[in-house]
Amino acid sequence: MLIDLRSDTVTQPTPAMREAMFQAPLGDDVLGDDPTVNALEAKAATLFGMEASLFCASGTMTNQLAIRTLTRPGDDVICDYLSHVYQYEGGGISVNALASVSLAHGQRGKLTPDLIREYIYSPTDPHKPLSRLVVLENTVNKGGGCYYTVPEIAAIRRVCDEYNLLLHLDGARLFNALVETGDPIEAYGQLFDSISICLSKGLGCPVGSLLLGRADMIRQARRYRKLMGGGWRQAGFLAAAGIYALDHHIDRLKKDHARARKIGAMLEHLPEVEEILPIDTNIVIFRLPETLLAADYVAQLETKGIRGISFGKHLVRFVTHLDFTDEMLTEMETKLQSVVVS
C-alpha cells in the first residue's frame, strides 16, 4: 500500500465528484456562457459575501492576478518571508506586477500589526517604493499549517486602513483554518480586498482556484487572466467538482487534522525526530538531526511505501488529505518504525 503524503494536491476526485463532473452542463467560459463556471463563481462570491469571483487554473494564478490588479508598477508588497507568494510562485510579483517585496519575519509565517508597521514606507520618501498591499497566508504552509483567527486579521485590517493599504489573502487552505476556528466565512469577505481559495488541495478537486473581490476588481483580473493565457473553454467539468467540494468536503477536513495529529504522536517515539512543529491543521513538519539530511530520509521513506517531501535541509513535511485513510494511518506506524537511519 502506497501512502502518499507529499501534499493534499495528490487527491483524486471521489466517485460522487466524478459523477457531478460528467453531468455538468457546459458552455464557453471565455465567452462567458459556461453555466457551471458561472454557478461556481456566484456560489463562492455569495459564500464569502463578496461581489464577484473568477475561476482559474491554480492558486498561483489567482494570487498573481490579485497582486497585479491591486498594485501598480513600482509599488511594494508586504508579506512574510515564508509566504507562498514569495517562496513558490516563481518570482511572479516582480514579473507580473513589476512590484517590489518587503519580507517580514513573523512567528511561523504569521504577520502582526506591529510587524507590518515596521515595513510601511513613508509615501513622502522618494527613495522608497509606495507601500500598497499586504498579503497574508491562511493556513501558512511553511509555518506547519498554523492559522490566523478573524480577530487577528481584523487588527491587521485596521493597520491597513490607517495607512491606506490593500489586503489580500492567499487562502489556499483557508477552509482548514475555518473548521478549526469556527469563524464565520462571511467575515473574511468584510476584511479582505481580495481572497484566493484553492479547490484542489484538501477539498479534493482535480484542478482549480477562485479569486474573490469587488466586481470591478474581478473584471480587471479577468482581463489579466486572458492576457496570461488563462482563459478556458468548457471548464464546467472542473467547476462542477468545485461546486461539489464546497457542498460536501469542507466539514470532513477535521478528519485530516485528527489524522495529522496522530502522525505527530507516532513521530514523537522515533529517535531520528528531534522536533515536531505544532500540528494545527493537516500539515506535519518535523526536524531531523544535523547528521541526517531530509532528502536522504525521504528516500528511505519511499522504500517503505511512504511519500513525503524534504522541506529544508533537515525538515520533512507530511500533508494529510481525503485519500489518506485510517487503514493507511495504522500501516504507517509500522512502516515508520522500520526505517533504517544510518
C-alpha atoms as a PDB file:
ATOM      1  CA  MET A   1       0.000   0.000   0.000  1.00  0.00           C
ATOM      2  CA  LEU A   2       1.465   3.337  -1.108  1.00  0.00           C
ATOM      3  CA  ILE A   3       0.942   6.142   1.399  1.00  0.00           C
ATOM      4  CA  ASP A   4       1.327   9.457  -0.423  1.00  0.00           C
ATOM      5  CA  LEU A   5       1.608  12.407   1.943  1.00  0.00           C
ATOM      6  CA  ARG A   6       3.648  14.719  -0.271  1.00  0.00           C
ATOM      7  CA  SER A   7       0.764  17.179  -0.441  1.00  0.00           C
ATOM      8  CA  ASP A   8      -3.005  17.441  -0.305  1.00  0.00           C
ATOM      9  CA  THR A   9      -2.801  18.209  -4.026  1.00  0.00           C
ATOM     10  CA  VAL A  10      -2.356  14.485  -4.781  1.00  0.00           C
ATOM     11  CA  THR A  11      -6.021  13.762  -4.076  1.00  0.00           C
ATOM     12  CA  GLN A  12      -8.208  12.060  -6.672  1.00  0.00           C
ATOM     13  CA  PRO A  13     -11.830  13.080  -7.325  1.00  0.00           C
ATOM     14  CA  THR A  14     -14.255  10.878  -5.410  1.00  0.00           C
ATOM     15  CA  PRO A  15     -16.778   8.806  -7.413  1.00  0.00           C
ATOM     16  CA  ALA A  16     -19.545  11.230  -6.478  1.00  0.00           C
ATOM     17  CA  MET A  17     -17.424  14.190  -7.584  1.00  0.00           C
ATOM     18  CA  ARG A  18     -16.658  12.475 -10.900  1.00  0.00           C
ATOM     19  CA  GLU A  19     -20.350  11.906 -11.462  1.00  0.00           C
ATOM     20  CA  ALA A  20     -21.069  15.582 -10.815  1.00  0.00           C
ATOM     21  CA  MET A  21     -18.366  16.494 -13.329  1.00  0.00           C
ATOM     22  CA  PHE A  22     -19.741  14.209 -16.028  1.00  0.00           C
ATOM     23  CA  GLN A  23     -23.267  15.564 -15.553  1.00  0.00           C
ATOM     24  CA  ALA A  24     -22.253  19.258 -15.683  1.00  0.00           C
ATOM     25  CA  PRO A  25     -23.873  21.463 -18.348  1.00  0.00           C
ATOM     26  CA  LEU A  26     -21.171  23.181 -20.387  1.00  0.00           C
ATOM     27  CA  GLY A  27     -20.551  26.307 -22.415  1.00  0.00           C
ATOM     28  CA  ASP A  28     -17.602  28.508 -23.383  1.00  0.00           C
ATOM     29  CA  ASP A  29     -16.179  30.296 -20.366  1.00  0.00           C
ATOM     30  CA  VAL A  30     -14.149  32.776 -22.430  1.00  0.00           C
ATOM     31  CA  LEU A  31     -17.443  33.867 -23.984  1.00  0.00           C
ATOM     32  CA  GLY A  32     -18.996  33.899 -20.543  1.00  0.00           C
ATOM     33  CA  ASP A  33     -21.646  31.265 -21.134  1.00  0.00           C
ATOM     34  CA  ASP A  34     -20.457  28.168 -19.299  1.00  0.00           C
ATOM     35  CA  PRO A  35     -23.350  27.815 -16.829  1.00  0.00           C
ATOM     36  CA  THR A  36     -21.426  25.623 -14.381  1.00  0.00           C
ATOM     37  CA  VAL A  37     -18.471  28.010 -14.177  1.00  0.00           C
ATOM     38  CA  ASN A  38     -20.893  30.888 -13.674  1.00  0.00           C
ATOM     39  CA  ALA A  39     -22.670  28.946 -10.947  1.00  0.00           C
ATOM     40  CA  LEU A  40     -19.401  28.174  -9.134  1.00  0.00           C
ATOM     41  CA  GLU A  41     -18.265  31.793  -9.280  1.00  0.00           C
ATOM     42  CA  ALA A  42     -21.608  33.037  -7.978  1.00  0.00           C
ATOM     43  CA  LYS A  43     -21.667  30.393  -5.231  1.00  0.00           C
ATOM     44  CA  ALA A  44     -18.180  31.299  -3.979  1.00  0.00           C
ATOM     45  CA  ALA A  45     -18.870  35.049  -4.017  1.00  0.00           C
ATOM     46  CA  THR A  46     -22.093  34.556  -2.071  1.00  0.00           C
ATOM     47  CA  LEU A  47     -20.400  32.247   0.416  1.00  0.00           C
ATOM     48  CA  PHE A  48     -17.891  34.956   1.334  1.00  0.00           C
ATOM     49  CA  GLY A  49     -20.261  37.885   0.963  1.00  0.00           C
ATOM     50  CA  MET A  50     -18.174  39.371  -1.855  1.00  0.00           C
ATOM     51  CA  GLU A  51     -19.346  40.871  -5.112  1.00  0.00           C
ATOM     52  CA  ALA A  52     -17.751  38.548  -7.652  1.00  0.00           C
ATOM     53  CA  SER A  53     -15.251  35.759  -8.228  1.00  0.00           C
ATOM     54  CA  LEU A  54     -13.116  34.321 -11.007  1.00  0.00           C
ATOM     55  CA  PHE A  55     -12.379  30.633 -11.630  1.00  0.00           C
ATOM     56  CA  CYS A  56      -8.727  29.993 -12.532  1.00  0.00           C
ATOM     57  CA  ALA A  57      -6.369  27.088 -13.076  1.00  0.00           C
ATOM     58  CA  SER A  58      -4.263  27.463  -9.937  1.00  0.00           C
ATOM     59  CA  GLY A  59      -3.697  29.288  -6.688  1.00  0.00           C
ATOM     60  CA  THR A  60      -0.542  30.811  -8.094  1.00  0.00           C
ATOM     61  CA  MET A  61      -2.622  32.347 -10.883  1.00  0.00           C
ATOM     62  CA  THR A  62      -5.268  33.737  -8.517  1.00  0.00           C
ATOM     63  CA  ASN A  63      -2.624  35.172  -6.182  1.00  0.00           C
ATOM     64  CA  GLN A  64      -0.697  36.739  -9.033  1.00  0.00           C
ATOM     65  CA  LEU A  65      -3.837  38.164 -10.624  1.00  0.00           C
ATOM     66  CA  ALA A  66      -4.783  39.735  -7.310  1.00  0.00           C
ATOM     67  CA  ILE A  67      -1.357  41.297  -6.794  1.00  0.00           C
ATOM     68  CA  ARG A  68      -1.210  42.604 -10.338  1.00  0.00           C
ATOM     69  CA  THR A  69      -4.716  44.039 -10.149  1.00  0.00           C
ATOM     70  CA  LEU A  70      -4.306  45.698  -6.758  1.00  0.00           C
ATOM     71  CA  THR A  71      -0.863  47.237  -7.340  1.00  0.00           C
ATOM     72  CA  ARG A  72       0.881  49.461  -9.847  1.00  0.00           C
ATOM     73  CA  PRO A  73       4.428  49.073 -11.196  1.00  0.00           C
ATOM     74  CA  GLY A  74       6.902  50.259  -8.583  1.00  0.00           C
ATOM     75  CA  ASP A  75       4.616  49.574  -5.631  1.00  0.00           C
ATOM     76  CA  ASP A  76       5.707  47.473  -2.673  1.00  0.00           C
ATOM     77  CA  VAL A  77       4.056  44.314  -1.325  1.00  0.00           C
ATOM     78  CA  ILE A  78       4.449  43.371   2.347  1.00  0.00           C
ATOM     79  CA  CYS A  79       4.391  39.656   3.167  1.00  0.00           C
ATOM     80  CA  ASP A  80       6.185  37.167   5.376  1.00  0.00           C
ATOM     81  CA  TYR A  81       9.371  35.624   4.023  1.00  0.00           C
ATOM     82  CA  LEU A  82       7.803  32.170   4.401  1.00  0.00           C
ATOM     83  CA  SER A  83       4.758  33.089   2.326  1.00  0.00           C
ATOM     84  CA  HIS A  84       3.811  31.099  -0.761  1.00  0.00           C
ATOM     85  CA  VAL A  85       3.558  34.221  -2.931  1.00  0.00           C
ATOM     86  CA  TYR A  86       7.258  34.810  -2.320  1.00  0.00           C
ATOM     87  CA  GLN A  87       8.665  31.301  -1.932  1.00  0.00           C
ATOM     88  CA  TYR A  88       6.759  29.265  -4.518  1.00  0.00           C
ATOM     89  CA  GLU A  89       5.388  31.447  -7.285  1.00  0.00           C
ATOM     90  CA  GLY A  90       8.444  31.821  -9.480  1.00  0.00           C
ATOM     91  CA  GLY A  91       9.188  35.451  -8.689  1.00  0.00           C
ATOM     92  CA  GLY A  92       5.783  36.321 -10.094  1.00  0.00           C
ATOM     93  CA  ILE A  93       5.376  39.508  -8.076  1.00  0.00           C
ATOM     94  CA  SER A  94       8.333  41.088  -9.860  1.00  0.00           C
ATOM     95  CA  VAL A  95       7.478  39.625 -13.266  1.00  0.00           C
ATOM     96  CA  ASN A  96       3.703  40.088 -13.372  1.00  0.00           C
ATOM     97  CA  ALA A  97       3.128  43.138 -11.189  1.00  0.00           C
ATOM     98  CA  LEU A  98       6.525  44.852 -11.517  1.00  0.00           C
ATOM     99  CA  ALA A  99       6.377  45.362  -7.769  1.00  0.00           C
ATOM    100  CA  SER A 100       8.985  45.030  -5.045  1.00  0.00           C
ATOM    101  CA  VAL A 101       8.567  42.943  -1.904  1.00  0.00           C
ATOM    102  CA  SER A 102       9.247  43.723   1.754  1.00  0.00           C
ATOM    103  CA  LEU A 103       9.811  40.483   3.644  1.00  0.00           C
ATOM    104  CA  ALA A 104       8.816  40.431   7.297  1.00  0.00           C
ATOM    105  CA  HIS A 105       9.880  37.646   9.646  1.00  0.00           C
ATOM    106  CA  GLY A 106       6.842  36.690  11.667  1.00  0.00           C
ATOM    107  CA  GLN A 107       6.238  33.788  14.022  1.00  0.00           C
ATOM    108  CA  ARG A 108       5.785  30.697  11.813  1.00  0.00           C
ATOM    109  CA  GLY A 109       4.962  32.932   8.860  1.00  0.00           C
ATOM    110  CA  LYS A 110       2.256  34.980  10.550  1.00  0.00           C
ATOM    111  CA  LEU A 111       2.290  38.772  10.453  1.00  0.00           C
ATOM    112  CA  THR A 112       1.152  41.060  13.256  1.00  0.00           C
ATOM    113  CA  PRO A 113       0.033  44.697  13.184  1.00  0.00           C
ATOM    114  CA  ASP A 114       3.259  45.907  14.815  1.00  0.00           C
ATOM    115  CA  LEU A 115       5.381  43.887  12.399  1.00  0.00           C
ATOM    116  CA  ILE A 116       3.558  45.289   9.390  1.00  0.00           C
ATOM    117  CA  ARG A 117       4.078  48.839  10.643  1.00  0.00           C
ATOM    118  CA  GLU A 118       7.835  48.264  10.566  1.00  0.00           C
ATOM    119  CA  TYR A 119       7.741  47.667   6.792  1.00  0.00           C
ATOM    120  CA  ILE A 120       5.479  50.512   5.705  1.00  0.00           C
ATOM    121  CA  TYR A 121       7.434  53.143   3.769  1.00  0.00           C
ATOM    122  CA  SER A 122       6.669  56.837   4.070  1.00  0.00           C
ATOM    123  CA  PRO A 123       4.828  57.977   0.933  1.00  0.00           C
ATOM    124  CA  THR A 124       6.802  61.231   1.046  1.00  0.00           C
ATOM    125  CA  ASP A 125      10.189  59.483   0.751  1.00  0.00           C
ATOM    126  CA  PRO A 126      11.170  59.461  -2.957  1.00  0.00           C
ATOM    127  CA  HIS A 127      13.893  56.895  -2.284  1.00  0.00           C
ATOM    128  CA  LYS A 128      11.358  54.202  -1.387  1.00  0.00           C
ATOM    129  CA  PRO A 129       8.589  52.417  -3.281  1.00  0.00           C
ATOM    130  CA  LEU A 130       4.996  53.062  -2.297  1.00  0.00           C
ATOM    131  CA  SER A 131       3.655  50.522   0.173  1.00  0.00           C
ATOM    132  CA  ARG A 132       0.437  49.332  -1.419  1.00  0.00           C
ATOM    133  CA  LEU A 133      -0.541  45.781  -0.459  1.00  0.00           C
ATOM    134  CA  VAL A 134      -0.281  43.367   2.463  1.00  0.00           C
ATOM    135  CA  VAL A 135      -0.564  39.639   1.746  1.00  0.00           C
ATOM    136  CA  LEU A 136      -1.498  37.090   4.408  1.00  0.00           C
ATOM    137  CA  GLU A 137      -1.477  33.305   4.012  1.00  0.00           C
ATOM    138  CA  ASN A 138      -4.023  31.149   5.816  1.00  0.00           C
ATOM    139  CA  THR A 139      -3.048  28.496   6.676  1.00  0.00           C
ATOM    140  CA  VAL A 140       0.718  29.072   6.467  1.00  0.00           C
ATOM    141  CA  ASN A 141       2.244  26.185   4.521  1.00  0.00           C
ATOM    142  CA  LYS A 142       5.859  26.642   5.627  1.00  0.00           C
ATOM    143  CA  GLY A 143       4.638  27.508   9.108  1.00  0.00           C
ATOM    144  CA  GLY A 144       3.278  23.999   9.539  1.00  0.00           C
ATOM    145  CA  GLY A 145      -0.355  24.799   8.851  1.00  0.00           C
ATOM    146  CA  CYS A 146      -0.755  27.471  11.520  1.00  0.00           C
ATOM    147  CA  TYR A 147      -3.623  29.882  11.016  1.00  0.00           C
ATOM    148  CA  TYR A 148      -4.971  33.363  11.647  1.00  0.00           C
ATOM    149  CA  THR A 149      -8.217  33.966  13.506  1.00  0.00           C
ATOM    150  CA  VAL A 150     -10.708  36.646  12.482  1.00  0.00           C
ATOM    151  CA  PRO A 151      -9.788  38.922  15.431  1.00  0.00           C
ATOM    152  CA  GLU A 152      -6.108  38.717  14.425  1.00  0.00           C
ATOM    153  CA  ILE A 153      -6.973  39.622  10.845  1.00  0.00           C
ATOM    154  CA  ALA A 154      -9.262  42.444  11.966  1.00  0.00           C
ATOM    155  CA  ALA A 155      -6.358  44.030  13.841  1.00  0.00           C
ATOM    156  CA  ILE A 156      -4.237  43.856  10.676  1.00  0.00           C
ATOM    157  CA  ARG A 157      -7.103  45.320   8.641  1.00  0.00           C
ATOM    158  CA  ARG A 158      -7.152  48.345  10.954  1.00  0.00           C
ATOM    159  CA  VAL A 159      -3.469  48.977  10.246  1.00  0.00           C
ATOM    160  CA  CYS A 160      -4.101  48.670   6.519  1.00  0.00           C
ATOM    161  CA  ASP A 161      -6.951  51.183   6.738  1.00  0.00           C
ATOM    162  CA  GLU A 162      -4.788  53.562   8.783  1.00  0.00           C
ATOM    163  CA  TYR A 163      -2.091  53.581   6.100  1.00  0.00           C
ATOM    164  CA  ASN A 164      -4.370  53.231   3.077  1.00  0.00           C
ATOM    165  CA  LEU A 165      -3.082  49.741   2.246  1.00  0.00           C
ATOM    166  CA  LEU A 166      -4.976  46.965   0.495  1.00  0.00           C
ATOM    167  CA  LEU A 167      -5.175  43.459   1.956  1.00  0.00           C
ATOM    168  CA  HIS A 168      -5.071  40.171   0.016  1.00  0.00           C
ATOM    169  CA  LEU A 169      -5.494  36.666   1.403  1.00  0.00           C
ATOM    170  CA  ASP A 170      -3.746  33.645  -0.034  1.00  0.00           C
ATOM    171  CA  GLY A 171      -6.377  31.277   1.323  1.00  0.00           C
ATOM    172  CA  ALA A 172      -5.018  28.130  -0.285  1.00  0.00           C
ATOM    173  CA  ARG A 173      -6.002  26.152   2.823  1.00  0.00           C
ATOM    174  CA  LEU A 174      -8.444  28.655   4.292  1.00  0.00           C
ATOM    175  CA  PHE A 175     -11.134  26.057   4.919  1.00  0.00           C
ATOM    176  CA  ASN A 176      -8.684  24.087   7.060  1.00  0.00           C
ATOM    177  CA  ALA A 177      -8.407  27.168   9.246  1.00  0.00           C
ATOM    178  CA  LEU A 178     -12.154  27.748   9.294  1.00  0.00           C
ATOM    179  CA  VAL A 179     -13.051  24.269  10.532  1.00  0.00           C
ATOM    180  CA  GLU A 180     -10.618  24.771  13.419  1.00  0.00           C
ATOM    181  CA  THR A 181     -11.605  28.303  14.440  1.00  0.00           C
ATOM    182  CA  GLY A 182     -15.312  28.174  13.686  1.00  0.00           C
ATOM    183  CA  ASP A 183     -15.047  31.758  12.413  1.00  0.00           C
ATOM    184  CA  PRO A 184     -17.844  32.852  10.049  1.00  0.00           C
ATOM    185  CA  ILE A 185     -16.843  32.643   6.399  1.00  0.00           C
ATOM    186  CA  GLU A 186     -18.512  35.927   5.513  1.00  0.00           C
ATOM    187  CA  ALA A 187     -16.232  37.760   7.961  1.00  0.00           C
ATOM    188  CA  TYR A 188     -13.380  37.212   5.516  1.00  0.00           C
ATOM    189  CA  GLY A 189     -15.271  38.983   2.774  1.00  0.00           C
ATOM    190  CA  GLN A 190     -15.570  42.028   5.027  1.00  0.00           C
ATOM    191  CA  LEU A 191     -11.875  42.094   5.947  1.00  0.00           C
ATOM    192  CA  PHE A 192     -10.066  41.492   2.648  1.00  0.00           C
ATOM    193  CA  ASP A 193      -9.948  43.349  -0.649  1.00  0.00           C
ATOM    194  CA  SER A 194      -9.320  40.044  -2.422  1.00  0.00           C
ATOM    195  CA  ILE A 195      -9.223  36.382  -1.472  1.00  0.00           C
ATOM    196  CA  SER A 196      -7.745  33.367  -3.241  1.00  0.00           C
ATOM    197  CA  ILE A 197      -9.113  29.938  -2.336  1.00  0.00           C
ATOM    198  CA  CYS A 198      -7.791  26.650  -3.675  1.00  0.00           C
ATOM    199  CA  LEU A 199     -10.153  23.811  -4.599  1.00  0.00           C
ATOM    200  CA  SER A 200      -7.524  21.204  -5.465  1.00  0.00           C
ATOM    201  CA  LYS A 201      -5.975  20.744  -2.007  1.00  0.00           C
ATOM    202  CA  GLY A 202      -7.993  19.498   0.963  1.00  0.00           C
ATOM    203  CA  LEU A 203     -11.272  19.989  -0.882  1.00  0.00           C
ATOM    204  CA  GLY A 204     -10.181  17.289  -3.322  1.00  0.00           C
ATOM    205  CA  CYS A 205     -10.832  18.812  -6.751  1.00  0.00           C
ATOM    206  CA  PRO A 206      -8.573  17.849  -9.668  1.00  0.00           C
ATOM    207  CA  VAL A 207      -7.868  21.463 -10.722  1.00  0.00           C
ATOM    208  CA  GLY A 208      -8.838  24.980  -9.841  1.00  0.00           C
ATOM    209  CA  SER A 209      -8.768  28.030  -7.592  1.00  0.00           C
ATOM    210  CA  LEU A 210     -11.028  31.036  -7.183  1.00  0.00           C
ATOM    211  CA  LEU A 211     -10.227  34.727  -6.827  1.00  0.00           C
ATOM    212  CA  LEU A 212     -12.840  36.793  -4.985  1.00  0.00           C
ATOM    213  CA  GLY A 213     -13.218  40.531  -4.701  1.00  0.00           C
ATOM    214  CA  ARG A 214     -15.147  43.607  -5.821  1.00  0.00           C
ATOM    215  CA  ALA A 215     -16.872  43.381  -9.188  1.00  0.00           C
ATOM    216  CA  ASP A 216     -14.614  45.982 -10.825  1.00  0.00           C
ATOM    217  CA  MET A 217     -11.502  44.274  -9.457  1.00  0.00           C
ATOM    218  CA  ILE A 218     -12.619  40.883 -10.790  1.00  0.00           C
ATOM    219  CA  ARG A 219     -13.378  42.380 -14.218  1.00  0.00           C
ATOM    220  CA  GLN A 220      -9.808  43.656 -14.404  1.00  0.00           C
ATOM    221  CA  ALA A 221      -8.435  40.347 -13.138  1.00  0.00           C
ATOM    222  CA  ARG A 222     -10.395  38.550 -15.881  1.00  0.00           C
ATOM    223  CA  ARG A 223      -8.640  40.703 -18.476  1.00  0.00           C
ATOM    224  CA  TYR A 224      -5.254  39.858 -16.970  1.00  0.00           C
ATOM    225  CA  ARG A 225      -6.193  36.169 -16.853  1.00  0.00           C
ATOM    226  CA  LYS A 226      -6.825  36.298 -20.602  1.00  0.00           C
ATOM    227  CA  LEU A 227      -3.526  38.134 -21.147  1.00  0.00           C
ATOM    228  CA  MET A 228      -1.717  35.341 -19.271  1.00  0.00           C
ATOM    229  CA  GLY A 229      -3.368  32.714 -21.460  1.00  0.00           C
ATOM    230  CA  GLY A 230      -5.654  31.643 -18.628  1.00  0.00           C
ATOM    231  CA  GLY A 231      -8.945  31.759 -20.486  1.00  0.00           C
ATOM    232  CA  TRP A 232     -10.519  28.342 -20.870  1.00  0.00           C
ATOM    233  CA  ARG A 233     -13.470  26.945 -22.730  1.00  0.00           C
ATOM    234  CA  GLN A 234     -15.683  24.104 -21.421  1.00  0.00           C
ATOM    235  CA  ALA A 235     -14.306  24.496 -17.925  1.00  0.00           C
ATOM    236  CA  GLY A 236     -17.613  23.487 -16.380  1.00  0.00           C
ATOM    237  CA  PHE A 237     -16.303  19.936 -15.991  1.00  0.00           C
ATOM    238  CA  LEU A 238     -13.825  21.321 -13.471  1.00  0.00           C
ATOM    239  CA  ALA A 239     -16.185  23.886 -11.975  1.00  0.00           C
ATOM    240  CA  ALA A 240     -18.669  21.120 -11.165  1.00  0.00           C
ATOM    241  CA  ALA A 241     -16.004  19.499  -8.992  1.00  0.00           C
ATOM    242  CA  GLY A 242     -15.620  22.804  -7.163  1.00  0.00           C
ATOM    243  CA  ILE A 243     -19.342  23.088  -6.509  1.00  0.00           C
ATOM    244  CA  TYR A 244     -19.418  19.526  -5.192  1.00  0.00           C
ATOM    245  CA  ALA A 245     -16.417  20.166  -2.943  1.00  0.00           C
ATOM    246  CA  LEU A 246     -17.892  23.306  -1.413  1.00  0.00           C
ATOM    247  CA  ASP A 247     -21.107  21.415  -0.714  1.00  0.00           C
ATOM    248  CA  HIS A 248     -19.610  18.185   0.649  1.00  0.00           C
ATOM    249  CA  HIS A 249     -15.904  18.386   1.534  1.00  0.00           C
ATOM    250  CA  ILE A 250     -15.466  21.240   3.997  1.00  0.00           C
ATOM    251  CA  ASP A 251     -16.529  19.663   7.288  1.00  0.00           C
ATOM    252  CA  ARG A 252     -14.599  16.460   6.568  1.00  0.00           C
ATOM    253  CA  LEU A 253     -11.317  18.418   6.794  1.00  0.00           C
ATOM    254  CA  LYS A 254     -11.476  17.829  10.546  1.00  0.00           C
ATOM    255  CA  LYS A 255     -10.661  14.163   9.855  1.00  0.00           C
ATOM    256  CA  ASP A 256      -7.447  15.186   8.097  1.00  0.00           C
ATOM    257  CA  HIS A 257      -6.443  17.283  11.094  1.00  0.00           C
ATOM    258  CA  ALA A 258      -7.097  14.433  13.522  1.00  0.00           C
ATOM    259  CA  ARG A 259      -5.005  12.045  11.432  1.00  0.00           C
ATOM    260  CA  ALA A 260      -2.184  14.587  11.194  1.00  0.00           C
ATOM    261  CA  ARG A 261      -2.061  14.801  14.984  1.00  0.00           C
ATOM    262  CA  LYS A 262      -1.915  11.020  15.215  1.00  0.00           C
ATOM    263  CA  ILE A 263       1.070  11.048  12.865  1.00  0.00           C
ATOM    264  CA  GLY A 264       2.672  13.588  15.183  1.00  0.00           C
ATOM    265  CA  ALA A 265       2.174  11.218  18.108  1.00  0.00           C
ATOM    266  CA  MET A 266       3.913   8.448  16.125  1.00  0.00           C
ATOM    267  CA  LEU A 267       6.846  10.698  15.291  1.00  0.00           C
ATOM    268  CA  GLU A 268       7.406  11.535  18.960  1.00  0.00           C
ATOM    269  CA  HIS A 269       8.642   7.980  19.531  1.00  0.00           C
ATOM    270  CA  LEU A 270      11.152   7.934  16.647  1.00  0.00           C
ATOM    271  CA  PRO A 271      14.765   8.557  17.708  1.00  0.00           C
ATOM    272  CA  GLU A 272      15.596  10.385  14.473  1.00  0.00           C
ATOM    273  CA  VAL A 273      12.923  13.057  15.054  1.00  0.00           C
ATOM    274  CA  GLU A 274      14.329  15.989  17.036  1.00  0.00           C
ATOM    275  CA  GLU A 275      11.419  18.418  16.833  1.00  0.00           C
ATOM    276  CA  ILE A 276       7.836  18.483  15.598  1.00  0.00           C
ATOM    277  CA  LEU A 277       6.221  21.793  14.777  1.00  0.00           C
ATOM    278  CA  PRO A 278       2.837  22.290  16.457  1.00  0.00           C
ATOM    279  CA  ILE A 279       0.207  20.480  14.382  1.00  0.00           C
ATOM    280  CA  ASP A 280      -2.676  22.922  13.966  1.00  0.00           C
ATOM    281  CA  THR A 281      -4.331  21.553  10.827  1.00  0.00           C
ATOM    282  CA  ASN A 282      -3.315  18.955   8.210  1.00  0.00           C
ATOM    283  CA  ILE A 283       0.411  19.721   7.853  1.00  0.00           C
ATOM    284  CA  VAL A 284       3.094  17.857   9.800  1.00  0.00           C
ATOM    285  CA  ILE A 285       6.640  19.267   9.718  1.00  0.00           C
ATOM    286  CA  PHE A 286       9.427  17.674  11.713  1.00  0.00           C
ATOM    287  CA  ARG A 287      13.136  18.256  12.128  1.00  0.00           C
ATOM    288  CA  LEU A 288      15.898  15.657  11.806  1.00  0.00           C
ATOM    289  CA  PRO A 289      19.330  15.831  13.445  1.00  0.00           C
ATOM    290  CA  GLU A 290      22.161  17.699  11.746  1.00  0.00           C
ATOM    291  CA  THR A 291      23.697  14.365  10.791  1.00  0.00           C
ATOM    292  CA  LEU A 292      20.680  13.321   8.709  1.00  0.00           C
ATOM    293  CA  LEU A 293      19.636  15.086   5.508  1.00  0.00           C
ATOM    294  CA  ALA A 294      15.934  15.364   4.814  1.00  0.00           C
ATOM    295  CA  ALA A 295      16.434  14.253   1.208  1.00  0.00           C
ATOM    296  CA  ASP A 296      18.103  11.029   2.382  1.00  0.00           C
ATOM    297  CA  TYR A 297      15.379  10.361   4.938  1.00  0.00           C
ATOM    298  CA  VAL A 298      12.629  10.953   2.384  1.00  0.00           C
ATOM    299  CA  ALA A 299      14.356   8.487   0.062  1.00  0.00           C
ATOM    300  CA  GLN A 300      14.338   5.917   2.883  1.00  0.00           C
ATOM    301  CA  LEU A 301      10.632   6.542   3.453  1.00  0.00           C
ATOM    302  CA  GLU A 302       9.978   5.921  -0.243  1.00  0.00           C
ATOM    303  CA  THR A 303      11.474   2.436   0.013  1.00  0.00           C
ATOM    304  CA  LYS A 304       8.923   1.693   2.754  1.00  0.00           C
ATOM    305  CA  GLY A 305       5.989   2.961   0.701  1.00  0.00           C
ATOM    306  CA  ILE A 306       5.650   6.373   2.363  1.00  0.00           C
ATOM    307  CA  ARG A 307       5.944   9.560   0.363  1.00  0.00           C
ATOM    308  CA  GLY A 308       6.797  12.870   1.995  1.00  0.00           C
ATOM    309  CA  ILE A 309       8.868  15.812   0.841  1.00  0.00           C
ATOM    310  CA  SER A 310      12.031  17.441   2.128  1.00  0.00           C
ATOM    311  CA  PHE A 311      11.078  20.908   3.332  1.00  0.00           C
ATOM    312  CA  GLY A 312      14.534  22.168   4.102  1.00  0.00           C
ATOM    313  CA  LYS A 313      17.947  20.681   4.740  1.00  0.00           C
ATOM    314  CA  HIS A 314      16.732  18.819   7.823  1.00  0.00           C
ATOM    315  CA  LEU A 315      12.952  19.286   7.629  1.00  0.00           C
ATOM    316  CA  VAL A 316      10.383  16.797   6.344  1.00  0.00           C
ATOM    317  CA  ARG A 317       6.730  17.524   5.598  1.00  0.00           C
ATOM    318  CA  PHE A 318       3.667  15.263   5.525  1.00  0.00           C
ATOM    319  CA  VAL A 319       0.217  16.543   4.500  1.00  0.00           C
ATOM    320  CA  THR A 320      -2.927  14.546   5.214  1.00  0.00           C
ATOM    321  CA  HIS A 321      -5.895  14.551   2.835  1.00  0.00           C
ATOM    322  CA  LEU A 322      -9.112  12.773   1.911  1.00  0.00           C
ATOM    323  CA  ASP A 323      -7.309   9.848   0.232  1.00  0.00           C
ATOM    324  CA  PHE A 324      -5.317   9.104   3.398  1.00  0.00           C
ATOM    325  CA  THR A 325      -7.383   6.614   5.376  1.00  0.00           C
ATOM    326  CA  ASP A 326      -7.392   5.188   8.896  1.00  0.00           C
ATOM    327  CA  GLU A 327      -6.089   1.919   7.429  1.00  0.00           C
ATOM    328  CA  MET A 328      -3.124   3.785   5.972  1.00  0.00           C
ATOM    329  CA  LEU A 329      -2.593   5.548   9.292  1.00  0.00           C
ATOM    330  CA  THR A 330      -2.319   2.196  11.087  1.00  0.00           C
ATOM    331  CA  GLU A 331       0.078   0.811   8.497  1.00  0.00           C
ATOM    332  CA  MET A 332       2.158   3.981   8.576  1.00  0.00           C
ATOM    333  CA  GLU A 333       3.134   3.453  12.209  1.00  0.00           C
ATOM    334  CA  THR A 334       4.735   0.106  11.390  1.00  0.00           C
ATOM    335  CA  LYS A 335       6.461   1.465   8.317  1.00  0.00           C
ATOM    336  CA  LEU A 336       7.909   4.466  10.146  1.00  0.00           C
ATOM    337  CA  GLN A 337       9.434   2.213  12.784  1.00  0.00           C
ATOM    338  CA  SER A 338      11.084   0.096  10.089  1.00  0.00           C
ATOM    339  CA  VAL A 339      13.022   2.983   8.511  1.00  0.00           C
ATOM    340  CA  VAL A 340      16.757   2.355   8.915  1.00  0.00           C
ATOM    341  CA  VAL A 341      18.659   5.533   9.735  1.00  0.00           C
ATOM    342  CA  SER A 342      22.386   5.263   9.207  1.00  0.00           C
END
